[in-house]
């Protein structure tokens, strides 16, 4: 009996072991293996990494577009600044080239270099010669010379020049010199027009 009991116990144990092994084998088939679970985790991580990479690319693209927009605005501002500077430079240049500013510039420069026109007729000719040499040395524009010397004329020359019709145009220095130096009275004839006052 003991032997039969031992055999029965042994058979039951074998059956239990077989059943346990069968359950293990069935569970193995139902449960993923360690390799399969690692592959799934790796796949999920790869999908997550791809998603993060796409988001990073989108953010970089937005950042790049914002920078490009900023650069375009900066370029527009620089272009406007250059236009304003160019317009200001043109205004300044036209102001410098105007007759009034040129007269002011040359009048200030010549203020202490030109002496007053002498009243003696003999000295008037040498005064004009010295004045022409000074104008040539300094490079005074020809169209400004007669206007620049008017403040230095004596009273008699100014009075005669005021009565003279100068055809409403600028008189050259040579014409003014001829006007002031011909005849004994030094202010009678204006040679440029061949008329007697």
N, C-alpha and C. Protein backbone atom coordinates (compact mmCIF):
# COMPACT_ATOMS: atom_id res chain seq x y z
N UNK A 1 0.77 -1.15 0.00
CA UNK A 1 0.00 0.00 0.00
C UNK A 1 0.82 1.23 0.00
N UNK A 2 1.80 1.12 0.71
CA UNK A 2 2.67 2.26 0.70
C UNK A 2 3.26 2.43 -0.67
N UNK A 3 3.53 1.42 -1.29
CA UNK A 3 4.14 1.52 -2.61
C UNK A 3 3.14 2.07 -3.63
N UNK A 4 1.89 1.62 -3.47
CA UNK A 4 0.88 2.11 -4.39
C UNK A 4 0.66 3.60 -4.11
N UNK A 5 0.64 3.94 -2.85
CA UNK A 5 0.44 5.34 -2.50
C UNK A 5 1.60 6.18 -3.02
N UNK A 6 2.77 5.61 -2.91
CA UNK A 6 3.93 6.37 -3.39
C UNK A 6 3.87 6.53 -4.89
N UNK A 7 3.43 5.51 -5.58
CA UNK A 7 3.33 5.60 -7.04
C UNK A 7 2.25 6.61 -7.40
N UNK A 8 1.15 6.61 -6.66
CA UNK A 8 0.07 7.54 -6.96
C UNK A 8 0.52 8.97 -6.69
N UNK A 9 1.25 9.13 -5.63
CA UNK A 9 1.74 10.48 -5.31
C UNK A 9 2.72 10.90 -6.40
N UNK A 10 3.53 9.98 -6.84
CA UNK A 10 4.50 10.31 -7.86
C UNK A 10 3.79 10.66 -9.16
N UNK A 11 2.71 9.90 -9.47
CA UNK A 11 1.97 10.20 -10.68
C UNK A 11 1.27 11.55 -10.56
N UNK A 12 0.71 11.83 -9.41
CA UNK A 12 0.05 13.12 -9.21
C UNK A 12 1.06 14.27 -9.33
N UNK A 13 2.24 14.00 -8.78
CA UNK A 13 3.26 15.04 -8.87
C UNK A 13 3.67 15.25 -10.32
N UNK A 14 3.76 14.17 -11.08
CA UNK A 14 4.12 14.30 -12.48
C UNK A 14 3.02 15.04 -13.25
N UNK A 15 1.78 14.71 -12.90
CA UNK A 15 0.67 15.40 -13.56
C UNK A 15 0.66 16.88 -13.18
N UNK A 16 0.92 17.16 -11.89
CA UNK A 16 0.94 18.56 -11.44
C UNK A 16 2.08 19.30 -12.15
N UNK A 17 3.22 18.60 -12.27
CA UNK A 17 4.36 19.23 -12.92
C UNK A 17 4.06 19.47 -14.40
N UNK A 18 3.41 18.47 -15.02
CA UNK A 18 3.05 18.62 -16.43
C UNK A 18 2.06 19.76 -16.60
N UNK A 19 1.06 19.85 -15.67
CA UNK A 19 0.07 20.92 -15.75
C UNK A 19 0.73 22.26 -15.54
N UNK A 20 1.65 22.32 -14.58
CA UNK A 20 2.34 23.58 -14.32
C UNK A 20 3.16 23.98 -15.54
N UNK A 21 3.80 22.97 -16.14
CA UNK A 21 4.62 23.30 -17.30
C UNK A 21 3.72 23.74 -18.44
N UNK A 22 2.54 23.09 -18.58
CA UNK A 22 1.62 23.47 -19.62
C UNK A 22 1.13 24.91 -19.40
N UNK A 23 0.83 25.26 -18.13
CA UNK A 23 0.38 26.62 -17.82
C UNK A 23 1.48 27.63 -18.12
N UNK A 24 2.70 27.24 -17.80
CA UNK A 24 3.83 28.12 -18.05
C UNK A 24 3.98 28.33 -19.54
N UNK A 25 3.86 27.22 -20.29
CA UNK A 25 3.99 27.33 -21.73
C UNK A 25 2.86 28.16 -22.32
N UNK A 26 1.62 27.98 -21.82
CA UNK A 26 0.51 28.81 -22.28
C UNK A 26 0.71 30.25 -21.89
N UNK A 27 1.17 30.53 -20.69
CA UNK A 27 1.42 31.89 -20.21
C UNK A 27 2.53 32.55 -21.01
N UNK A 28 3.49 31.80 -21.41
CA UNK A 28 4.59 32.34 -22.21
C UNK A 28 4.06 32.79 -23.54
N UNK A 29 3.17 32.00 -24.09
CA UNK A 29 2.61 32.39 -25.37
C UNK A 29 1.75 33.63 -25.22
N UNK A 30 0.98 33.75 -24.12
CA UNK A 30 0.13 34.91 -23.92
C UNK A 30 0.95 36.13 -23.52
N UNK A 31 1.92 35.95 -22.67
CA UNK A 31 2.74 37.07 -22.22
C UNK A 31 3.88 37.31 -23.21
N UNK A 32 4.22 38.62 -23.42
CA UNK A 32 5.34 38.89 -24.33
C UNK A 32 6.64 38.47 -23.67
N UNK A 33 7.53 38.07 -24.51
CA UNK A 33 8.83 37.72 -23.99
C UNK A 33 9.58 38.99 -23.67
N UNK A 34 10.67 38.81 -23.02
CA UNK A 34 11.47 39.97 -22.63
C UNK A 34 11.94 40.72 -23.87
N UNK A 35 12.29 40.04 -24.93
CA UNK A 35 12.76 40.66 -26.17
C UNK A 35 11.64 41.45 -26.83
N UNK A 36 10.43 40.84 -26.81
CA UNK A 36 9.30 41.53 -27.41
C UNK A 36 8.97 42.80 -26.63
N UNK A 37 9.00 42.75 -25.32
CA UNK A 37 8.69 43.95 -24.53
C UNK A 37 9.75 45.02 -24.74
N UNK A 38 11.01 44.62 -24.89
CA UNK A 38 12.08 45.59 -25.15
C UNK A 38 11.88 46.24 -26.51
N UNK A 39 11.45 45.45 -27.47
CA UNK A 39 11.21 45.99 -28.82
C UNK A 39 10.07 46.99 -28.78
N UNK A 40 9.01 46.66 -28.04
CA UNK A 40 7.88 47.57 -27.93
C UNK A 40 8.30 48.88 -27.24
N UNK A 41 9.07 48.78 -26.18
CA UNK A 41 9.54 49.96 -25.47
C UNK A 41 10.42 50.80 -26.39
N UNK A 42 11.30 50.14 -27.12
CA UNK A 42 12.19 50.84 -28.05
C UNK A 42 11.38 51.53 -29.13
N UNK A 43 10.37 50.83 -29.66
CA UNK A 43 9.51 51.41 -30.68
C UNK A 43 8.76 52.63 -30.14
N UNK A 44 8.23 52.53 -28.95
CA UNK A 44 7.51 53.65 -28.34
C UNK A 44 8.46 54.83 -28.11
N UNK A 45 9.67 54.53 -27.65
CA UNK A 45 10.64 55.60 -27.42
C UNK A 45 11.04 56.26 -28.75
N UNK A 46 11.16 55.47 -29.79
CA UNK A 46 11.51 56.02 -31.11
C UNK A 46 10.40 56.93 -31.61
N UNK A 47 9.13 56.49 -31.44
CA UNK A 47 8.01 57.34 -31.83
C UNK A 47 8.01 58.64 -31.03
N UNK A 48 8.27 58.59 -29.76
CA UNK A 48 8.33 59.77 -28.89
C UNK A 48 9.48 60.69 -29.33
N UNK A 49 10.62 60.10 -29.65
CA UNK A 49 11.76 60.90 -30.10
C UNK A 49 11.44 61.60 -31.42
N UNK A 50 10.78 60.89 -32.34
CA UNK A 50 10.39 61.49 -33.62
C UNK A 50 9.41 62.63 -33.40
N UNK A 51 8.44 62.44 -32.52
CA UNK A 51 7.48 63.48 -32.19
C UNK A 51 8.18 64.71 -31.61
N UNK A 52 9.09 64.49 -30.69
CA UNK A 52 9.86 65.60 -30.10
C UNK A 52 10.70 66.31 -31.16
N UNK A 53 11.29 65.55 -32.05
CA UNK A 53 12.10 66.13 -33.13
C UNK A 53 11.24 66.99 -34.05
N UNK A 54 10.03 66.52 -34.36
CA UNK A 54 9.12 67.31 -35.20
C UNK A 54 8.73 68.60 -34.51
N UNK A 55 8.45 68.54 -33.23
CA UNK A 55 8.11 69.75 -32.47
C UNK A 55 9.29 70.72 -32.44
N UNK A 56 10.49 70.16 -32.24
CA UNK A 56 11.69 71.01 -32.21
C UNK A 56 11.88 71.70 -33.56
N UNK A 57 11.66 70.97 -34.64
CA UNK A 57 11.79 71.53 -35.99
C UNK A 57 10.76 72.63 -36.22
N UNK A 58 9.53 72.40 -35.76
CA UNK A 58 8.49 73.42 -35.89
C UNK A 58 8.87 74.68 -35.12
N UNK A 59 9.38 74.52 -33.91
CA UNK A 59 9.81 75.67 -33.11
C UNK A 59 10.96 76.42 -33.79
N UNK A 60 11.91 75.66 -34.33
CA UNK A 60 13.02 76.29 -35.03
C UNK A 60 12.55 77.04 -36.26
N UNK A 61 11.58 76.48 -36.98
CA UNK A 61 11.05 77.14 -38.16
C UNK A 61 10.34 78.44 -37.77
N UNK A 62 9.54 78.41 -36.70
CA UNK A 62 8.87 79.62 -36.20
C UNK A 62 9.91 80.67 -35.81
N UNK A 63 10.94 80.21 -35.10
CA UNK A 63 12.00 81.12 -34.67
C UNK A 63 12.70 81.74 -35.88
N UNK A 64 12.99 80.91 -36.88
CA UNK A 64 13.65 81.40 -38.09
C UNK A 64 12.77 82.41 -38.82
N UNK A 65 11.47 82.13 -38.92
CA UNK A 65 10.55 83.07 -39.58
C UNK A 65 10.47 84.38 -38.81
N UNK A 66 10.45 84.29 -37.49
CA UNK A 66 10.41 85.51 -36.67
C UNK A 66 11.70 86.32 -36.87
N UNK A 67 12.83 85.63 -36.91
CA UNK A 67 14.11 86.33 -37.15
C UNK A 67 14.14 86.96 -38.53
N UNK A 68 13.64 86.27 -39.52
CA UNK A 68 13.61 86.81 -40.88
C UNK A 68 12.69 88.03 -40.95
N UNK A 69 11.55 87.95 -40.27
CA UNK A 69 10.65 89.11 -40.22
C UNK A 69 11.32 90.29 -39.54
N UNK A 70 12.04 90.02 -38.48
CA UNK A 70 12.75 91.07 -37.77
C UNK A 70 13.84 91.67 -38.65
N UNK A 71 14.56 90.83 -39.34
CA UNK A 71 15.61 91.32 -40.25
C UNK A 71 15.03 92.15 -41.37
N UNK A 72 13.90 91.73 -41.91
CA UNK A 72 13.24 92.50 -42.97
C UNK A 72 12.83 93.87 -42.45
N UNK A 73 12.27 93.91 -41.24
CA UNK A 73 11.90 95.20 -40.65
C UNK A 73 13.12 96.08 -40.43
N UNK A 74 14.21 95.45 -39.95
CA UNK A 74 15.45 96.21 -39.76
C UNK A 74 15.97 96.77 -41.08
N UNK A 75 15.91 95.98 -42.12
CA UNK A 75 16.35 96.44 -43.44
C UNK A 75 15.48 97.59 -43.93
N UNK A 76 14.17 97.49 -43.71
CA UNK A 76 13.27 98.56 -44.09
C UNK A 76 13.60 99.84 -43.32
N UNK A 77 13.85 99.69 -42.02
CA UNK A 77 14.20 100.86 -41.21
C UNK A 77 15.52 101.47 -41.67
N UNK A 78 16.48 100.63 -41.97
CA UNK A 78 17.76 101.14 -42.47
C UNK A 78 17.58 101.86 -43.80
N UNK A 79 16.76 101.28 -44.66
CA UNK A 79 16.50 101.93 -45.95
C UNK A 79 15.83 103.28 -45.75
N UNK A 80 14.89 103.35 -44.82
CA UNK A 80 14.23 104.63 -44.53
C UNK A 80 15.22 105.64 -43.95
N UNK A 81 16.09 105.16 -43.05
CA UNK A 81 17.11 106.04 -42.47
C UNK A 81 18.04 106.57 -43.56
N UNK A 82 18.44 105.68 -44.46
CA UNK A 82 19.31 106.12 -45.56
C UNK A 82 18.60 107.13 -46.45
N UNK A 83 17.32 106.90 -46.73
CA UNK A 83 16.56 107.86 -47.53
C UNK A 83 16.48 109.21 -46.83
N UNK A 84 16.24 109.18 -45.51
CA UNK A 84 16.18 110.44 -44.76
C UNK A 84 17.53 111.14 -44.75
N UNK A 85 18.60 110.37 -44.55
CA UNK A 85 19.94 110.96 -44.56
C UNK A 85 20.27 111.53 -45.94
N UNK A 86 19.88 110.79 -46.98
CA UNK A 86 20.14 111.26 -48.33
C UNK A 86 19.37 112.55 -48.60
N UNK A 87 18.11 112.59 -48.18
CA UNK A 87 17.31 113.81 -48.38
C UNK A 87 17.90 114.98 -47.59
N UNK A 88 18.35 114.70 -46.35
CA UNK A 88 18.96 115.76 -45.55
C UNK A 88 20.27 116.24 -46.19
N UNK A 89 21.05 115.30 -46.72
CA UNK A 89 22.30 115.68 -47.38
C UNK A 89 22.03 116.50 -48.63
N UNK A 90 20.98 116.13 -49.37
CA UNK A 90 20.62 116.90 -50.56
C UNK A 90 20.16 118.31 -50.19
N UNK A 91 19.36 118.41 -49.12
CA UNK A 91 18.92 119.74 -48.67
C UNK A 91 20.12 120.58 -48.22
N UNK A 92 21.01 119.93 -47.49
CA UNK A 92 22.20 120.63 -47.01
C UNK A 92 23.07 121.07 -48.18
N UNK A 93 23.22 120.20 -49.17
CA UNK A 93 24.03 120.53 -50.33
C UNK A 93 23.39 121.66 -51.12
N UNK A 94 22.08 121.62 -51.30
CA UNK A 94 21.42 122.71 -52.03
C UNK A 94 21.50 124.01 -51.26
N UNK A 95 21.46 123.91 -49.91
CA UNK A 95 21.60 125.12 -49.11
C UNK A 95 23.02 125.68 -49.24
N UNK A 96 24.02 124.78 -49.28
CA UNK A 96 25.40 125.24 -49.44
C UNK A 96 25.62 125.86 -50.81
N UNK A 97 24.93 125.34 -51.81
CA UNK A 97 25.11 125.83 -53.16
C UNK A 97 24.27 127.08 -53.45
N UNK A 98 23.39 127.46 -52.56
CA UNK A 98 22.57 128.64 -52.81
C UNK A 98 23.45 129.88 -52.77
N UNK A 99 23.01 130.90 -53.48
CA UNK A 99 23.76 132.15 -53.58
C UNK A 99 23.94 132.78 -52.20
N UNK A 100 22.91 132.76 -51.39
CA UNK A 100 22.98 133.40 -50.08
C UNK A 100 24.03 132.73 -49.18
N UNK A 101 24.04 131.41 -49.15
CA UNK A 101 25.02 130.73 -48.29
C UNK A 101 26.44 130.90 -48.82
N UNK A 102 26.59 130.89 -50.13
CA UNK A 102 27.92 131.11 -50.69
C UNK A 102 28.41 132.52 -50.41
N UNK A 103 27.51 133.49 -50.52
CA UNK A 103 27.90 134.88 -50.20
C UNK A 103 28.29 135.02 -48.74
N UNK A 104 27.54 134.35 -47.87
CA UNK A 104 27.84 134.41 -46.44
C UNK A 104 29.20 133.78 -46.16
N UNK A 105 29.45 132.64 -46.78
CA UNK A 105 30.73 131.94 -46.59
C UNK A 105 31.90 132.79 -47.06
N UNK A 106 31.82 133.26 -48.28
CA UNK A 106 32.93 134.05 -48.83
C UNK A 106 33.02 135.43 -48.18
N UNK A 107 31.88 136.02 -47.85
CA UNK A 107 31.90 137.33 -47.17
C UNK A 107 32.58 137.24 -45.82
N UNK A 108 32.30 136.18 -45.08
CA UNK A 108 32.95 135.99 -43.78
C UNK A 108 34.45 135.74 -43.93
N UNK A 109 34.82 135.00 -44.97
CA UNK A 109 36.23 134.70 -45.20
C UNK A 109 37.03 135.91 -45.66
N UNK A 110 36.38 136.80 -46.36
CA UNK A 110 37.08 137.98 -46.89
C UNK A 110 36.97 139.20 -45.98
N UNK A 111 36.22 139.11 -44.92
CA UNK A 111 35.93 140.26 -44.07
C UNK A 111 37.20 141.00 -43.60
N UNK A 112 38.20 140.29 -43.19
CA UNK A 112 39.40 140.94 -42.66
C UNK A 112 40.54 141.02 -43.66
N UNK A 113 40.30 140.63 -44.91
CA UNK A 113 41.38 140.66 -45.90
C UNK A 113 41.24 141.80 -46.90
N UNK A 114 40.05 142.34 -47.06
CA UNK A 114 39.84 143.42 -48.03
C UNK A 114 39.78 144.75 -47.29
N UNK A 115 40.53 145.70 -47.84
CA UNK A 115 40.48 147.06 -47.25
C UNK A 115 39.40 147.87 -47.95
N UNK A 116 39.04 148.97 -47.37
CA UNK A 116 38.02 149.84 -47.93
C UNK A 116 38.58 150.54 -49.18
N UNK A 117 37.73 150.79 -50.15
CA UNK A 117 38.13 151.45 -51.40
C UNK A 117 38.62 152.86 -51.09
N UNK A 118 39.80 153.22 -51.60
CA UNK A 118 40.31 154.57 -51.34
C UNK A 118 39.49 155.63 -52.07
N UNK A 119 39.57 156.85 -51.59
CA UNK A 119 38.83 157.95 -52.22
C UNK A 119 39.65 158.65 -53.28
N UNK A 120 40.98 158.54 -53.23
CA UNK A 120 41.82 159.18 -54.25
C UNK A 120 41.75 158.37 -55.53
N UNK A 121 41.49 159.03 -56.65
CA UNK A 121 41.36 158.34 -57.93
C UNK A 121 42.62 157.55 -58.33
N UNK A 122 43.77 157.98 -57.95
CA UNK A 122 45.01 157.31 -58.35
C UNK A 122 45.12 155.95 -57.66
N UNK A 123 44.67 155.84 -56.44
CA UNK A 123 44.79 154.59 -55.67
C UNK A 123 43.69 153.57 -55.99
N UNK A 124 42.62 154.03 -56.67
CA UNK A 124 41.50 153.13 -56.96
C UNK A 124 41.93 151.99 -57.89
N UNK A 125 42.73 152.33 -58.93
CA UNK A 125 43.16 151.32 -59.88
C UNK A 125 44.00 150.25 -59.19
N UNK A 126 44.95 150.65 -58.36
CA UNK A 126 45.78 149.67 -57.65
C UNK A 126 44.95 148.86 -56.66
N UNK A 127 43.90 149.46 -56.06
CA UNK A 127 43.00 148.73 -55.15
C UNK A 127 42.28 147.61 -55.90
N UNK A 128 41.78 147.91 -57.11
CA UNK A 128 41.10 146.90 -57.91
C UNK A 128 42.06 145.79 -58.35
N UNK A 129 43.29 146.14 -58.71
CA UNK A 129 44.28 145.13 -59.11
C UNK A 129 44.59 144.21 -57.94
N UNK A 130 44.82 144.80 -56.76
CA UNK A 130 45.10 143.98 -55.56
C UNK A 130 43.90 143.10 -55.22
N UNK A 131 42.70 143.65 -55.37
CA UNK A 131 41.48 142.89 -55.08
C UNK A 131 41.32 141.71 -56.04
N UNK A 132 41.59 141.92 -57.33
CA UNK A 132 41.50 140.82 -58.30
C UNK A 132 42.53 139.74 -58.00
N UNK A 133 43.74 140.13 -57.63
CA UNK A 133 44.76 139.14 -57.28
C UNK A 133 44.33 138.34 -56.06
N UNK A 134 43.77 139.01 -55.08
CA UNK A 134 43.29 138.32 -53.87
C UNK A 134 42.18 137.33 -54.22
N UNK A 135 41.23 137.77 -55.05
CA UNK A 135 40.15 136.87 -55.48
C UNK A 135 40.70 135.65 -56.22
N UNK A 136 41.67 135.86 -57.09
CA UNK A 136 42.28 134.75 -57.83
C UNK A 136 43.01 133.79 -56.90
N UNK A 137 43.76 134.34 -55.93
CA UNK A 137 44.50 133.49 -54.99
C UNK A 137 43.56 132.62 -54.15
N UNK A 138 42.49 133.22 -53.71
CA UNK A 138 41.55 132.49 -52.85
C UNK A 138 40.56 131.63 -53.63
N UNK A 139 40.48 131.84 -54.94
CA UNK A 139 39.57 131.05 -55.75
C UNK A 139 38.11 131.45 -55.56
N UNK A 140 37.88 132.73 -55.37
CA UNK A 140 36.51 133.23 -55.20
C UNK A 140 35.77 133.06 -56.52
N UNK A 141 34.58 132.47 -56.52
CA UNK A 141 33.81 132.30 -57.76
C UNK A 141 33.56 133.64 -58.44
N UNK A 142 33.66 133.66 -59.76
CA UNK A 142 33.54 134.89 -60.54
C UNK A 142 32.18 135.54 -60.33
N UNK A 143 31.13 134.75 -60.23
CA UNK A 143 29.78 135.32 -60.11
C UNK A 143 29.56 136.00 -58.76
N UNK A 144 30.43 135.76 -57.78
CA UNK A 144 30.26 136.38 -56.46
C UNK A 144 31.16 137.59 -56.24
N UNK A 145 32.14 137.78 -57.07
CA UNK A 145 33.15 138.82 -56.83
C UNK A 145 32.58 140.22 -56.74
N UNK A 146 31.74 140.59 -57.70
CA UNK A 146 31.21 141.96 -57.69
C UNK A 146 30.30 142.21 -56.49
N UNK A 147 29.55 141.21 -56.09
CA UNK A 147 28.67 141.36 -54.93
C UNK A 147 29.49 141.44 -53.65
N UNK A 148 30.58 140.67 -53.59
CA UNK A 148 31.41 140.66 -52.38
C UNK A 148 32.19 141.96 -52.20
N UNK A 149 32.52 142.66 -53.28
CA UNK A 149 33.30 143.88 -53.10
C UNK A 149 32.42 145.11 -52.84
N UNK A 150 31.13 145.02 -53.05
CA UNK A 150 30.25 146.19 -52.85
C UNK A 150 30.32 146.77 -51.44
N UNK A 151 30.38 146.00 -50.39
CA UNK A 151 30.46 146.62 -49.05
C UNK A 151 31.76 147.41 -48.84
N UNK A 152 32.78 147.16 -49.66
CA UNK A 152 34.07 147.83 -49.48
C UNK A 152 34.22 149.05 -50.39
N UNK A 153 33.23 149.35 -51.22
CA UNK A 153 33.27 150.55 -52.06
C UNK A 153 33.13 151.80 -51.19
N UNK A 154 33.73 152.90 -51.68
CA UNK A 154 33.56 154.15 -50.93
C UNK A 154 32.16 154.71 -51.18
N UNK A 155 31.80 155.73 -50.45
CA UNK A 155 30.43 156.28 -50.51
C UNK A 155 30.09 156.80 -51.90
N UNK A 156 31.02 157.44 -52.55
CA UNK A 156 30.78 158.00 -53.88
C UNK A 156 30.51 156.88 -54.88
N UNK A 157 31.28 155.81 -54.82
CA UNK A 157 31.08 154.68 -55.74
C UNK A 157 29.75 153.99 -55.45
N UNK A 158 29.38 153.86 -54.19
CA UNK A 158 28.09 153.25 -53.85
C UNK A 158 26.92 154.09 -54.37
N UNK A 159 27.03 155.40 -54.24
CA UNK A 159 25.95 156.29 -54.70
C UNK A 159 25.80 156.19 -56.21
N UNK A 160 26.92 156.21 -56.92
CA UNK A 160 26.86 156.12 -58.37
C UNK A 160 26.35 154.76 -58.83
N UNK A 161 26.77 153.74 -58.15
CA UNK A 161 26.32 152.38 -58.49
C UNK A 161 24.82 152.23 -58.23
N UNK A 162 24.31 152.90 -57.21
CA UNK A 162 22.87 152.82 -56.90
C UNK A 162 22.05 153.50 -57.98
N UNK A 163 22.57 154.55 -58.59
CA UNK A 163 21.83 155.26 -59.63
C UNK A 163 21.91 154.56 -60.97
N UNK A 164 22.87 153.72 -61.14
CA UNK A 164 23.10 153.04 -62.41
C UNK A 164 22.15 151.86 -62.56
N UNK A 165 21.53 151.75 -63.73
CA UNK A 165 20.71 150.57 -64.02
C UNK A 165 21.63 149.47 -64.52
N UNK A 166 21.74 148.42 -63.75
CA UNK A 166 22.64 147.33 -64.11
C UNK A 166 21.89 146.19 -64.79
N UNK A 167 20.80 146.53 -65.47
CA UNK A 167 19.99 145.58 -66.22
C UNK A 167 19.53 144.39 -65.38
N UNK A 168 19.40 144.62 -64.09
CA UNK A 168 18.85 143.61 -63.17
C UNK A 168 19.62 142.29 -63.25
N UNK A 169 20.92 142.35 -63.41
CA UNK A 169 21.73 141.15 -63.39
C UNK A 169 23.00 141.42 -62.61
N UNK A 170 23.70 140.39 -62.26
CA UNK A 170 24.95 140.57 -61.53
C UNK A 170 26.00 141.16 -62.45
N UNK A 171 26.74 142.10 -61.92
CA UNK A 171 27.80 142.75 -62.68
C UNK A 171 29.10 142.05 -62.37
N UNK A 172 29.93 141.85 -63.39
CA UNK A 172 31.22 141.23 -63.15
C UNK A 172 32.17 142.23 -62.51
N UNK A 173 33.22 141.73 -61.91
CA UNK A 173 34.19 142.60 -61.25
C UNK A 173 34.86 143.50 -62.27
N UNK A 174 35.11 142.98 -63.46
CA UNK A 174 35.76 143.77 -64.50
C UNK A 174 34.87 144.94 -64.92
N UNK A 175 33.58 144.69 -65.09
CA UNK A 175 32.65 145.76 -65.46
C UNK A 175 32.56 146.79 -64.35
N UNK A 176 32.55 146.34 -63.12
CA UNK A 176 32.48 147.27 -61.99
C UNK A 176 33.76 148.10 -61.90
N UNK A 177 34.89 147.48 -62.17
CA UNK A 177 36.17 148.20 -62.15
C UNK A 177 36.18 149.26 -63.25
N UNK A 178 35.75 148.89 -64.44
CA UNK A 178 35.69 149.87 -65.55
C UNK A 178 34.72 150.99 -65.21
N UNK A 179 33.63 150.66 -64.57
CA UNK A 179 32.64 151.66 -64.18
C UNK A 179 33.23 152.65 -63.19
N UNK A 180 34.04 152.18 -62.27
CA UNK A 180 34.58 153.02 -61.21
C UNK A 180 35.87 153.75 -61.60
N UNK A 181 36.57 153.31 -62.65
CA UNK A 181 37.91 153.84 -62.90
C UNK A 181 38.05 154.68 -64.16
N UNK A 182 37.08 154.82 -65.00
CA UNK A 182 37.23 155.57 -66.25
C UNK A 182 36.97 157.05 -65.98
N UNK A 183 37.72 157.88 -66.63
CA UNK A 183 37.68 159.35 -66.56
C UNK A 183 38.35 159.85 -65.29
N UNK A 184 38.50 161.15 -65.21
CA UNK A 184 39.20 161.74 -64.08
C UNK A 184 38.41 161.61 -62.79
N UNK A 185 37.11 161.66 -62.86
CA UNK A 185 36.32 161.60 -61.63
C UNK A 185 36.19 160.17 -61.12
N UNK A 186 36.69 159.21 -61.83
CA UNK A 186 36.74 157.80 -61.43
C UNK A 186 35.38 157.16 -61.24
N UNK A 187 34.31 157.75 -61.65
CA UNK A 187 33.02 157.08 -61.51
C UNK A 187 32.02 157.62 -62.53
N UNK A 188 32.43 157.92 -63.73
CA UNK A 188 31.49 158.54 -64.66
C UNK A 188 30.95 157.61 -65.73
N UNK A 189 31.75 156.73 -66.26
CA UNK A 189 31.30 155.96 -67.42
C UNK A 189 31.29 154.46 -67.08
N UNK A 190 30.26 153.84 -67.50
CA UNK A 190 30.15 152.38 -67.32
C UNK A 190 30.47 151.76 -68.68
N UNK A 191 31.69 151.30 -68.84
CA UNK A 191 32.18 150.80 -70.12
C UNK A 191 31.42 149.55 -70.56
N UNK A 192 31.02 148.71 -69.65
CA UNK A 192 30.34 147.47 -70.01
C UNK A 192 29.11 147.71 -70.85
N UNK A 193 28.44 148.86 -70.70
CA UNK A 193 27.23 149.17 -71.46
C UNK A 193 27.48 150.27 -72.47
N UNK A 194 28.67 150.90 -72.44
CA UNK A 194 29.03 152.01 -73.33
C UNK A 194 28.02 153.16 -73.22
N UNK A 195 27.65 153.47 -72.01
CA UNK A 195 26.70 154.57 -71.80
C UNK A 195 27.30 155.55 -70.83
N UNK A 196 26.95 156.77 -70.96
CA UNK A 196 27.41 157.82 -70.05
C UNK A 196 26.28 158.12 -69.10
N UNK A 197 26.64 158.26 -67.82
CA UNK A 197 25.62 158.53 -66.80
C UNK A 197 25.23 159.98 -66.80
